[in-house]
Amino acid sequence: MGRTLSVAKSGDLEIVMTRSFDAPRALVFDAWTKPELVRRWFGPRDCEVVECEIDLRAGGRWRYRLRHGGGMEMVLQGVYQEIDRPERLISLETNEDCDASEGQALATLTLKENSGITTLTQVLRYSSKRIRDAVLESGMERGVGEGFDKLAEVMAVRAEV
């Protein structure tokens, strides 16, 4: 896997996203779990993270409020199911704009490091093929891709420090 985002369907319910970063996995894990870092990279380039709350423990909640350049807002939130630092995070997540029962996804983030390069794989499992496909058609790939590009920039700066 390369330095660009790969997005693929898996079965009828899953989206699998993969991207590599020139950084140790502990730094990439921190970027997913520390609010001061999440604020710097999460979301598309035309978005700002205006609220970021993280209670990093099994059963703990996370909540991000993003504001697009035009003023529209989106809230993403979840509950951590499992935390295995620095290798894996599992959470049940929802977009506040969706029906919680339908828009919910089980998100499994896995980080594998080899020679200072970390490969991130995130599997999103939805309750139906219809919801999974609607998420793919929503422009999610562009937003996640831009966010991951920003994450790579944050990792480059942190590696220099």
C-alpha atoms as a PDB file:
ATOM      1  CA  MET A   1       0.000   0.000   0.000  1.00  0.00           C
ATOM      2  CA  GLY A   2       1.221   3.444  -0.843  1.00  0.00           C
ATOM      3  CA  ARG A   3       0.966   6.992   0.402  1.00  0.00           C
ATOM      4  CA  THR A   4      -2.454   7.501  -1.149  1.00  0.00           C
ATOM      5  CA  LEU A   5      -5.736   6.319   0.254  1.00  0.00           C
ATOM      6  CA  SER A   6      -7.102   3.010  -0.981  1.00  0.00           C
ATOM      7  CA  VAL A   7     -10.855   2.497  -0.480  1.00  0.00           C
ATOM      8  CA  ALA A   8     -12.520  -0.821  -1.270  1.00  0.00           C
ATOM      9  CA  LYS A   9     -15.757  -2.660  -0.591  1.00  0.00           C
ATOM     10  CA  SER A  10     -15.487  -5.911   1.339  1.00  0.00           C
ATOM     11  CA  GLY A  11     -18.457  -8.243   1.276  1.00  0.00           C
ATOM     12  CA  ASP A  12     -21.843  -6.537   1.479  1.00  0.00           C
ATOM     13  CA  LEU A  13     -21.348  -4.484   4.644  1.00  0.00           C
ATOM     14  CA  GLU A  14     -17.778  -3.192   4.846  1.00  0.00           C
ATOM     15  CA  ILE A  15     -15.564  -0.406   3.582  1.00  0.00           C
ATOM     16  CA  VAL A  16     -11.813  -0.996   3.926  1.00  0.00           C
ATOM     17  CA  MET A  17      -9.506   2.035   3.824  1.00  0.00           C
ATOM     18  CA  THR A  18      -5.721   1.740   3.765  1.00  0.00           C
ATOM     19  CA  ARG A  19      -2.940   4.329   3.743  1.00  0.00           C
ATOM     20  CA  SER A  20       0.746   4.333   4.759  1.00  0.00           C
ATOM     21  CA  PHE A  21       2.522   7.083   6.695  1.00  0.00           C
ATOM     22  CA  ASP A  22       6.213   7.861   7.165  1.00  0.00           C
ATOM     23  CA  ALA A  23       5.952   7.754  10.944  1.00  0.00           C
ATOM     24  CA  PRO A  24       6.125   5.255  13.796  1.00  0.00           C
ATOM     25  CA  ARG A  25       2.758   3.781  14.705  1.00  0.00           C
ATOM     26  CA  ALA A  26       2.884   5.293  18.212  1.00  0.00           C
ATOM     27  CA  LEU A  27       2.783   8.756  16.592  1.00  0.00           C
ATOM     28  CA  VAL A  28      -0.054   7.781  14.260  1.00  0.00           C
ATOM     29  CA  PHE A  29      -1.973   6.315  17.223  1.00  0.00           C
ATOM     30  CA  ASP A  30      -1.454   9.577  19.148  1.00  0.00           C
ATOM     31  CA  ALA A  31      -2.794  11.522  16.158  1.00  0.00           C
ATOM     32  CA  TRP A  32      -6.052   9.523  16.450  1.00  0.00           C
ATOM     33  CA  THR A  33      -6.372   9.801  20.222  1.00  0.00           C
ATOM     34  CA  LYS A  34      -5.091  13.234  21.299  1.00  0.00           C
ATOM     35  CA  PRO A  35      -7.508  16.127  20.722  1.00  0.00           C
ATOM     36  CA  GLU A  36      -4.744  18.658  19.999  1.00  0.00           C
ATOM     37  CA  LEU A  37      -3.569  16.458  17.110  1.00  0.00           C
ATOM     38  CA  VAL A  38      -7.009  15.387  15.831  1.00  0.00           C
ATOM     39  CA  ARG A  39      -7.901  19.087  15.462  1.00  0.00           C
ATOM     40  CA  ARG A  40      -4.958  19.508  13.064  1.00  0.00           C
ATOM     41  CA  TRP A  41      -5.839  16.812  10.540  1.00  0.00           C
ATOM     42  CA  PHE A  42      -9.339  15.345  10.814  1.00  0.00           C
ATOM     43  CA  GLY A  43     -11.691  16.013   7.913  1.00  0.00           C
ATOM     44  CA  PRO A  44     -11.394  17.558   4.458  1.00  0.00           C
ATOM     45  CA  ARG A  45      -9.221  20.611   3.788  1.00  0.00           C
ATOM     46  CA  ASP A  46     -12.236  22.958   3.764  1.00  0.00           C
ATOM     47  CA  CYS A  47     -13.247  21.858   7.282  1.00  0.00           C
ATOM     48  CA  GLU A  48     -12.157  22.903  10.733  1.00  0.00           C
ATOM     49  CA  VAL A  49     -12.534  20.725  13.806  1.00  0.00           C
ATOM     50  CA  VAL A  50     -14.260  23.168  16.177  1.00  0.00           C
ATOM     51  CA  GLU A  51     -14.934  20.643  18.926  1.00  0.00           C
ATOM     52  CA  CYS A  52     -12.961  17.540  19.823  1.00  0.00           C
ATOM     53  CA  GLU A  53     -13.639  15.474  22.915  1.00  0.00           C
ATOM     54  CA  ILE A  54     -11.912  12.156  23.578  1.00  0.00           C
ATOM     55  CA  ASP A  55     -12.377   9.908  26.617  1.00  0.00           C
ATOM     56  CA  LEU A  56      -9.825   7.236  25.689  1.00  0.00           C
ATOM     57  CA  ARG A  57     -10.997   4.129  27.527  1.00  0.00           C
ATOM     58  CA  ALA A  58     -13.238   1.177  26.715  1.00  0.00           C
ATOM     59  CA  GLY A  59     -16.771   2.580  27.058  1.00  0.00           C
ATOM     60  CA  GLY A  60     -15.437   6.140  26.717  1.00  0.00           C
ATOM     61  CA  ARG A  61     -16.902   8.485  24.154  1.00  0.00           C
ATOM     62  CA  TRP A  62     -15.408  10.637  21.428  1.00  0.00           C
ATOM     63  CA  ARG A  63     -17.118  13.495  19.610  1.00  0.00           C
ATOM     64  CA  TYR A  64     -15.903  15.751  16.783  1.00  0.00           C
ATOM     65  CA  ARG A  65     -17.796  18.754  15.438  1.00  0.00           C
ATOM     66  CA  LEU A  66     -16.568  19.927  12.046  1.00  0.00           C
ATOM     67  CA  ARG A  67     -17.416  23.212  10.367  1.00  0.00           C
ATOM     68  CA  HIS A  68     -17.172  23.539   6.590  1.00  0.00           C
ATOM     69  CA  GLY A  69     -15.997  26.787   5.013  1.00  0.00           C
ATOM     70  CA  GLY A  70     -19.607  27.672   4.155  1.00  0.00           C
ATOM     71  CA  GLY A  71     -20.650  27.369   7.806  1.00  0.00           C
ATOM     72  CA  MET A  72     -22.343  23.951   7.626  1.00  0.00           C
ATOM     73  CA  GLU A  73     -21.542  21.676  10.536  1.00  0.00           C
ATOM     74  CA  MET A  74     -21.290  17.922  10.946  1.00  0.00           C
ATOM     75  CA  VAL A  75     -20.941  15.932  14.165  1.00  0.00           C
ATOM     76  CA  LEU A  76     -19.278  12.533  14.304  1.00  0.00           C
ATOM     77  CA  GLN A  77     -19.268  10.602  17.538  1.00  0.00           C
ATOM     78  CA  GLY A  78     -18.581   7.184  18.917  1.00  0.00           C
ATOM     79  CA  VAL A  79     -17.978   4.907  21.858  1.00  0.00           C
ATOM     80  CA  TYR A  80     -14.683   3.053  22.202  1.00  0.00           C
ATOM     81  CA  GLN A  81     -15.164  -0.717  22.343  1.00  0.00           C
ATOM     82  CA  GLU A  82     -11.498  -1.719  22.516  1.00  0.00           C
ATOM     83  CA  ILE A  83      -8.169   0.103  22.831  1.00  0.00           C
ATOM     84  CA  ASP A  84      -4.889  -1.720  22.229  1.00  0.00           C
ATOM     85  CA  ARG A  85      -2.229   0.983  22.173  1.00  0.00           C
ATOM     86  CA  PRO A  86      -0.522   1.525  19.719  1.00  0.00           C
ATOM     87  CA  GLU A  87      -1.941  -1.137  17.434  1.00  0.00           C
ATOM     88  CA  ARG A  88      -5.734  -0.987  17.402  1.00  0.00           C
ATOM     89  CA  LEU A  89      -8.835   1.074  18.178  1.00  0.00           C
ATOM     90  CA  ILE A  90     -12.373  -0.230  17.827  1.00  0.00           C
ATOM     91  CA  SER A  91     -15.350   2.062  18.216  1.00  0.00           C
ATOM     92  CA  LEU A  92     -19.039   2.162  17.404  1.00  0.00           C
ATOM     93  CA  GLU A  93     -19.504   5.427  15.531  1.00  0.00           C
ATOM     94  CA  THR A  94     -22.328   7.501  14.134  1.00  0.00           C
ATOM     95  CA  ASN A  95     -22.848  10.662  12.155  1.00  0.00           C
ATOM     96  CA  GLU A  96     -25.260  12.820  14.170  1.00  0.00           C
ATOM     97  CA  ASP A  97     -27.129  13.700  10.959  1.00  0.00           C
ATOM     98  CA  CYS A  98     -28.129  10.056  10.399  1.00  0.00           C
ATOM     99  CA  ASP A  99     -30.580   7.788  12.142  1.00  0.00           C
ATOM    100  CA  ALA A 100     -28.384   6.264  14.868  1.00  0.00           C
ATOM    101  CA  SER A 101     -29.576   2.724  14.221  1.00  0.00           C
ATOM    102  CA  GLU A 102     -28.936   2.932  10.473  1.00  0.00           C
ATOM    103  CA  GLY A 103     -25.908   5.193  10.256  1.00  0.00           C
ATOM    104  CA  GLN A 104     -23.924   3.365  12.901  1.00  0.00           C
ATOM    105  CA  ALA A 105     -20.677   1.634  11.929  1.00  0.00           C
ATOM    106  CA  LEU A 106     -18.280  -0.589  13.801  1.00  0.00           C
ATOM    107  CA  ALA A 107     -14.913   1.014  13.021  1.00  0.00           C
ATOM    108  CA  THR A 108     -11.759  -1.042  13.486  1.00  0.00           C
ATOM    109  CA  LEU A 109      -8.487   0.860  13.094  1.00  0.00           C
ATOM    110  CA  THR A 110      -5.304  -1.233  12.847  1.00  0.00           C
ATOM    111  CA  LEU A 111      -1.759   0.151  12.691  1.00  0.00           C
ATOM    112  CA  LYS A 112       1.160  -2.002  11.488  1.00  0.00           C
ATOM    113  CA  GLU A 113       4.715  -0.641  11.471  1.00  0.00           C
ATOM    114  CA  ASN A 114       7.634  -1.796   9.366  1.00  0.00           C
ATOM    115  CA  SER A 115      10.953   0.125   9.308  1.00  0.00           C
ATOM    116  CA  GLY A 116       9.355   3.364  10.518  1.00  0.00           C
ATOM    117  CA  ILE A 117       6.481   3.238   8.015  1.00  0.00           C
ATOM    118  CA  THR A 118       3.028   2.697   9.478  1.00  0.00           C
ATOM    119  CA  THR A 119       0.231   1.179   7.443  1.00  0.00           C
ATOM    120  CA  LEU A 120      -3.183   2.203   8.695  1.00  0.00           C
ATOM    121  CA  THR A 121      -6.175   0.037   7.865  1.00  0.00           C
ATOM    122  CA  GLN A 122      -9.651   1.090   8.887  1.00  0.00           C
ATOM    123  CA  VAL A 123     -12.594  -1.252   8.387  1.00  0.00           C
ATOM    124  CA  LEU A 124     -16.066   0.270   8.672  1.00  0.00           C
ATOM    125  CA  ARG A 125     -18.857  -2.310   9.043  1.00  0.00           C
ATOM    126  CA  TYR A 126     -22.415  -1.071   8.468  1.00  0.00           C
ATOM    127  CA  SER A 127     -25.759  -2.711   9.220  1.00  0.00           C
ATOM    128  CA  SER A 128     -26.781  -2.920   5.566  1.00  0.00           C
ATOM    129  CA  LYS A 129     -25.377  -2.825   2.045  1.00  0.00           C
ATOM    130  CA  ARG A 130     -27.645   0.153   1.297  1.00  0.00           C
ATOM    131  CA  ILE A 131     -26.098   2.242   4.086  1.00  0.00           C
ATOM    132  CA  ARG A 132     -22.554   1.154   3.173  1.00  0.00           C
ATOM    133  CA  ASP A 133     -23.114   2.139  -0.456  1.00  0.00           C
ATOM    134  CA  ALA A 134     -24.734   5.465   0.533  1.00  0.00           C
ATOM    135  CA  VAL A 135     -21.650   6.304   2.621  1.00  0.00           C
ATOM    136  CA  LEU A 136     -19.386   5.514  -0.339  1.00  0.00           C
ATOM    137  CA  GLU A 137     -21.511   7.714  -2.631  1.00  0.00           C
ATOM    138  CA  SER A 138     -21.512  10.625  -0.151  1.00  0.00           C
ATOM    139  CA  GLY A 139     -18.041  11.904  -1.058  1.00  0.00           C
ATOM    140  CA  MET A 140     -16.549  10.251   2.014  1.00  0.00           C
ATOM    141  CA  GLU A 141     -13.533   9.023   0.035  1.00  0.00           C
ATOM    142  CA  ARG A 142     -12.508  12.574  -0.899  1.00  0.00           C
ATOM    143  CA  GLY A 143     -12.956  13.848   2.658  1.00  0.00           C
ATOM    144  CA  VAL A 144     -11.064  10.961   4.237  1.00  0.00           C
ATOM    145  CA  GLY A 145      -8.333  11.207   1.591  1.00  0.00           C
ATOM    146  CA  GLU A 146      -7.808  14.923   2.272  1.00  0.00           C
ATOM    147  CA  GLY A 147      -7.829  14.271   6.020  1.00  0.00           C
ATOM    148  CA  PHE A 148      -5.224  11.531   5.649  1.00  0.00           C
ATOM    149  CA  ASP A 149      -3.093  13.879   3.497  1.00  0.00           C
ATOM    150  CA  LYS A 150      -3.254  16.404   6.361  1.00  0.00           C
ATOM    151  CA  LEU A 151      -2.370  13.612   8.815  1.00  0.00           C
ATOM    152  CA  ALA A 152       0.729  12.817   6.729  1.00  0.00           C
ATOM    153  CA  GLU A 153       1.710  16.509   6.940  1.00  0.00           C
ATOM    154  CA  VAL A 154       1.238  16.495  10.727  1.00  0.00           C
ATOM    155  CA  MET A 155       3.336  13.323  10.999  1.00  0.00           C
ATOM    156  CA  ALA A 156       6.126  14.921   8.903  1.00  0.00           C
ATOM    157  CA  VAL A 157       6.246  17.935  11.224  1.00  0.00           C
ATOM    158  CA  ARG A 158       6.197  15.742  14.377  1.00  0.00           C
ATOM    159  CA  ALA A 159       8.970  13.522  12.988  1.00  0.00           C
ATOM    160  CA  GLU A 160      11.168  16.611  12.550  1.00  0.00           C
ATOM    161  CA  VAL A 161      10.687  17.700  16.171  1.00  0.00           C
END
